[in-house]
Amino acid sequence: MTAAGRSVSAEMPVPTCPGWVTRDLIRHVGGVHRWATSFVAEARSQPGSQTLEEVAGGWPSDEEQADWFEAGYLRLVSVLEAAPPDLQCWTFMAASSPLAFWSRRQAHETAIHRIDAELAAGRTVAHLSPCTPAFAADGIDELLTGFWPRRSATARAETPVTLGVGCTDDAGDWVVTMGPEGVQTSVGTGETTCSVRGAACDLYFALWNRGGSESLQIEGDRAVLAQFGEAMQVRWT
């Protein structure tokens, strides 16, 4: 993302984030990095009410934003590396520890938005920087077991539908059910309305709405995959 900030106009549209230009993307990720850093560095126990701009202490100029982004990223990495294993602070999804949560969440926050930056810089989906299968499978697990069930208040279906997801190059199988009560995810295999399998990196990009389904193996009712993709878009609120 730092490279994109140095090489792409701040006004360049980000195709995977409608309404955003590169300036918005860099400010968002740089602000989130600083927001996450504050919980780990200060062992904060409450989420607070500051905006990202307030957390960041104001936005940098277009000329300074690449250096500003890089400084925030390096500070985040340093703080995570120095944090004690028994750190106690606020989190918003279940994890083995707060430190594990923030390390995982910021790794995938950065990876997914790196894709946005690459697409804004003119790369095609076929030429995005790949992720290792293990990293991608972990990102799929975070999405399906963490983020998607959190959408249960609004993501519902009168007639339950199930989506099976499986990696072909790494361990990872999930079944996600959307019904009248919301969304539930189980790890493993089972009967599904639709199943989608593929290389972990391809699945990771596609499920985060950053890649197409051309390389995936889809069986059953394809409309279910689109239904989940529309209902489960993760947004900063």
Protein backbone atom coordinates (compact mmCIF):
# COMPACT_ATOMS: atom_id res chain seq x y z
CA MET A 1 0.00 0.00 0.00
CA THR A 2 2.90 2.32 0.62
CA ALA A 3 3.99 1.78 -2.98
CA ALA A 4 0.50 2.65 -4.21
CA GLY A 5 0.52 5.78 -2.11
CA ARG A 6 3.74 6.87 -3.79
CA SER A 7 2.85 5.95 -7.36
CA VAL A 8 -0.89 6.53 -7.74
CA SER A 9 -2.77 9.81 -7.73
CA ALA A 10 -4.67 10.49 -4.53
CA GLU A 11 -7.74 11.00 -6.73
CA MET A 12 -7.52 7.56 -8.39
CA PRO A 13 -10.79 5.64 -7.85
CA VAL A 14 -10.68 2.37 -5.91
CA PRO A 15 -12.91 -0.01 -7.91
CA THR A 16 -13.58 -2.41 -5.03
CA CYS A 17 -14.55 0.39 -2.61
CA PRO A 18 -17.29 2.36 -4.44
CA GLY A 19 -17.06 6.08 -3.75
CA TRP A 20 -13.49 5.93 -2.51
CA VAL A 21 -10.34 7.26 -4.11
CA THR A 22 -6.82 6.22 -3.11
CA ARG A 23 -6.65 9.04 -0.55
CA ASP A 24 -9.68 7.59 1.27
CA LEU A 25 -8.21 4.09 1.23
CA ILE A 26 -4.85 5.13 2.66
CA ARG A 27 -6.48 7.30 5.32
CA HIS A 28 -8.81 4.47 6.32
CA VAL A 29 -6.12 1.80 6.68
CA GLY A 30 -3.62 4.19 8.26
CA GLY A 31 -6.29 5.31 10.71
CA VAL A 32 -7.29 1.73 11.54
CA HIS A 33 -3.64 0.86 12.17
CA ARG A 34 -3.36 3.71 14.67
CA TRP A 35 -6.71 2.77 16.22
CA ALA A 36 -5.59 -0.84 16.72
CA THR A 37 -2.21 0.27 18.03
CA SER A 38 -3.88 2.31 20.77
CA PHE A 39 -5.66 -0.74 22.24
CA VAL A 40 -2.51 -2.83 22.35
CA ALA A 41 -0.07 -0.11 23.43
CA GLU A 42 -2.37 1.35 26.10
CA ALA A 43 -4.18 -1.89 27.10
CA ARG A 44 -7.45 -0.02 26.55
CA SER A 45 -10.51 -1.84 27.86
CA GLN A 46 -13.22 0.24 26.14
CA PRO A 47 -13.80 0.99 22.42
CA GLY A 48 -14.12 4.77 22.78
CA SER A 49 -16.01 7.12 20.49
CA GLN A 50 -13.30 8.94 18.51
CA THR A 51 -13.45 9.05 14.74
CA LEU A 52 -10.52 7.67 12.76
CA GLU A 53 -9.48 11.23 11.93
CA GLU A 54 -9.38 12.07 15.63
CA VAL A 55 -7.44 8.88 16.38
CA ALA A 56 -4.96 9.80 13.65
CA GLY A 57 -4.55 13.36 14.96
CA GLY A 58 -5.74 14.75 11.63
CA TRP A 59 -5.14 13.58 8.08
CA PRO A 60 -1.85 14.08 6.25
CA SER A 61 -1.52 16.03 3.02
CA ASP A 62 -1.53 14.05 -0.22
CA GLU A 63 2.23 14.58 -0.49
CA GLU A 64 2.84 13.19 3.01
CA GLN A 65 0.33 10.35 3.11
CA ALA A 66 2.66 7.53 1.95
CA ASP A 67 5.21 8.33 4.67
CA TRP A 68 2.37 8.78 7.18
CA PHE A 69 0.92 5.39 6.28
CA GLU A 70 4.28 3.65 6.51
CA ALA A 71 5.03 5.18 9.91
CA GLY A 72 1.71 3.99 11.30
CA TYR A 73 2.17 0.50 9.91
CA LEU A 74 5.68 0.16 11.36
CA ARG A 75 4.48 1.44 14.73
CA LEU A 76 1.67 -1.15 14.75
CA VAL A 77 4.08 -4.00 13.98
CA SER A 78 6.49 -2.81 16.67
CA VAL A 79 3.75 -2.57 19.30
CA LEU A 80 2.36 -6.03 18.47
CA GLU A 81 5.83 -7.58 18.63
CA ALA A 82 6.54 -5.96 22.01
CA ALA A 83 3.19 -6.73 23.64
CA PRO A 84 3.11 -9.34 26.43
CA PRO A 85 1.33 -12.63 25.66
CA ASP A 86 -1.09 -12.04 28.54
CA LEU A 87 -2.16 -8.60 27.30
CA GLN A 88 -5.70 -7.69 28.30
CA CYS A 89 -7.55 -5.13 26.17
CA TRP A 90 -10.79 -4.61 24.26
CA THR A 91 -11.58 -6.75 21.22
CA PHE A 92 -14.71 -7.24 19.14
CA MET A 93 -14.53 -10.91 18.13
CA ALA A 94 -13.65 -14.11 19.95
CA ALA A 95 -9.99 -15.15 19.86
CA SER A 96 -7.51 -17.18 21.89
CA SER A 97 -6.19 -13.91 23.35
CA PRO A 98 -6.47 -10.16 22.74
CA LEU A 99 -2.97 -10.15 21.25
CA ALA A 100 -3.89 -12.97 18.87
CA PHE A 101 -7.05 -11.10 17.90
CA TRP A 102 -5.34 -7.81 17.03
CA SER A 103 -2.46 -9.50 15.24
CA ARG A 104 -4.83 -11.52 13.08
CA ARG A 105 -7.32 -8.74 12.45
CA GLN A 106 -4.71 -6.21 11.37
CA ALA A 107 -2.92 -8.74 9.17
CA HIS A 108 -6.10 -9.36 7.20
CA GLU A 109 -7.22 -5.73 7.30
CA THR A 110 -3.94 -4.82 5.62
CA ALA A 111 -3.94 -7.73 3.17
CA ILE A 112 -7.47 -7.12 1.88
CA HIS A 113 -6.94 -3.39 1.47
CA ARG A 114 -3.60 -4.06 -0.22
CA ILE A 115 -5.71 -5.75 -2.91
CA ASP A 116 -7.80 -2.58 -3.19
CA ALA A 117 -4.64 -0.52 -3.62
CA GLU A 118 -3.27 -2.84 -6.29
CA LEU A 119 -6.53 -2.72 -8.24
CA ALA A 120 -6.57 1.08 -7.98
CA ALA A 121 -3.03 1.09 -9.34
CA GLY A 122 -4.18 -0.79 -12.42
CA ARG A 123 -3.47 -4.44 -11.65
CA THR A 124 -6.03 -7.02 -12.75
CA VAL A 125 -7.47 -9.64 -10.44
CA ALA A 126 -5.37 -12.28 -12.22
CA HIS A 127 -2.16 -10.41 -11.32
CA LEU A 128 -2.75 -9.56 -7.67
CA SER A 129 0.01 -10.37 -5.20
CA PRO A 130 -0.81 -13.87 -3.92
CA CYS A 131 -1.19 -14.98 -0.30
CA THR A 132 0.15 -18.25 1.06
CA PRO A 133 -2.53 -20.95 1.40
CA ALA A 134 -2.21 -21.00 5.21
CA PHE A 135 -2.61 -17.22 5.52
CA ALA A 136 -5.56 -17.18 3.11
CA ALA A 137 -7.29 -20.07 4.91
CA ASP A 138 -6.91 -18.21 8.20
CA GLY A 139 -8.48 -15.14 6.61
CA ILE A 140 -11.39 -17.22 5.35
CA ASP A 141 -11.88 -18.64 8.85
CA GLU A 142 -11.89 -15.14 10.37
CA LEU A 143 -14.47 -14.02 7.84
CA LEU A 144 -16.79 -17.03 8.10
CA THR A 145 -16.61 -17.71 11.84
CA GLY A 146 -16.07 -14.14 13.01
CA PHE A 147 -17.52 -11.49 10.74
CA TRP A 148 -20.39 -13.30 9.05
CA PRO A 149 -22.18 -14.39 12.26
CA ARG A 150 -21.94 -10.79 13.50
CA ARG A 151 -24.27 -9.82 10.64
CA SER A 152 -27.09 -11.97 12.07
CA ALA A 153 -29.13 -8.92 13.04
CA THR A 154 -29.64 -7.96 9.38
CA ALA A 155 -28.56 -10.99 7.28
CA ARG A 156 -31.54 -13.34 7.39
CA ALA A 157 -33.41 -15.64 5.03
CA GLU A 158 -36.99 -16.87 5.50
CA THR A 159 -36.04 -20.19 3.92
CA PRO A 160 -32.67 -21.35 5.31
CA VAL A 161 -29.83 -21.66 2.81
CA THR A 162 -26.43 -23.21 3.42
CA LEU A 163 -23.10 -22.47 1.79
CA GLY A 164 -20.23 -24.91 1.96
CA VAL A 165 -16.70 -23.53 1.57
CA GLY A 166 -13.62 -25.69 1.15
CA CYS A 167 -9.94 -25.13 0.37
CA THR A 168 -8.26 -27.48 -2.10
CA ASP A 169 -4.67 -26.61 -1.15
CA ASP A 170 -4.90 -26.20 2.64
CA ALA A 171 -6.93 -27.56 5.52
CA GLY A 172 -10.20 -25.70 5.74
CA ASP A 173 -13.90 -26.58 5.40
CA TRP A 174 -16.86 -24.59 6.65
CA VAL A 175 -20.66 -24.68 6.41
CA VAL A 176 -22.50 -21.38 6.77
CA THR A 177 -26.28 -21.30 7.30
CA MET A 178 -28.42 -18.19 6.85
CA GLY A 179 -31.98 -18.51 8.11
CA PRO A 180 -34.72 -16.66 10.02
CA GLU A 181 -32.51 -16.38 13.12
CA GLY A 182 -29.47 -15.04 11.28
CA VAL A 183 -26.14 -16.64 10.39
CA GLN A 184 -24.32 -19.58 11.93
CA THR A 185 -21.00 -21.11 10.85
CA SER A 186 -19.66 -24.54 11.67
CA VAL A 187 -16.21 -25.89 10.87
CA GLY A 188 -16.28 -29.05 8.78
CA THR A 189 -18.45 -30.41 5.99
CA GLY A 190 -22.16 -31.14 5.65
CA GLU A 191 -25.18 -30.90 3.37
CA THR A 192 -25.36 -27.57 1.57
CA THR A 193 -27.54 -25.65 -0.86
CA CYS A 194 -24.41 -24.53 -2.66
CA SER A 195 -20.76 -25.43 -2.25
CA VAL A 196 -17.69 -23.55 -3.41
CA ARG A 197 -14.18 -24.93 -3.41
CA GLY A 198 -10.88 -23.66 -4.69
CA ALA A 199 -7.36 -22.61 -3.85
CA ALA A 200 -7.35 -20.80 -0.50
CA CYS A 201 -6.05 -17.53 -1.98
CA ASP A 202 -8.73 -17.50 -4.70
CA LEU A 203 -11.44 -18.20 -2.11
CA TYR A 204 -10.05 -15.52 0.21
CA PHE A 205 -10.21 -12.86 -2.48
CA ALA A 206 -13.63 -13.95 -3.75
CA LEU A 207 -15.33 -14.20 -0.35
CA TRP A 208 -14.04 -10.75 0.57
CA ASN A 209 -15.56 -9.51 -2.74
CA ARG A 210 -12.10 -8.75 -4.17
CA GLY A 211 -11.96 -11.45 -6.84
CA GLY A 212 -14.15 -13.36 -9.24
CA SER A 213 -15.41 -16.93 -9.10
CA GLU A 214 -13.94 -18.07 -12.42
CA SER A 215 -11.29 -20.27 -10.79
CA LEU A 216 -13.64 -21.76 -8.19
CA GLN A 217 -15.56 -25.04 -8.28
CA ILE A 218 -19.22 -24.24 -7.60
CA GLU A 219 -21.91 -26.90 -7.18
CA GLY A 220 -25.59 -26.49 -6.39
CA ASP A 221 -27.60 -23.27 -6.50
CA ARG A 222 -25.19 -20.54 -7.61
CA ALA A 223 -27.67 -17.86 -6.58
CA VAL A 224 -26.93 -18.77 -2.95
CA LEU A 225 -23.29 -17.74 -3.33
CA ALA A 226 -24.42 -14.36 -4.69
CA GLN A 227 -26.96 -14.06 -1.86
CA PHE A 228 -24.25 -14.54 0.75
CA GLY A 229 -21.86 -12.20 -1.06
CA GLU A 230 -24.40 -9.39 -1.04
CA ALA A 231 -25.58 -9.91 2.55
CA MET A 232 -22.13 -10.31 4.06
CA GLN A 233 -20.21 -7.29 2.85
CA VAL A 234 -18.06 -6.04 5.74
CA ARG A 235 -18.06 -2.27 6.19
CA TRP A 236 -16.50 0.10 8.71
CA THR A 237 -19.23 1.64 10.85
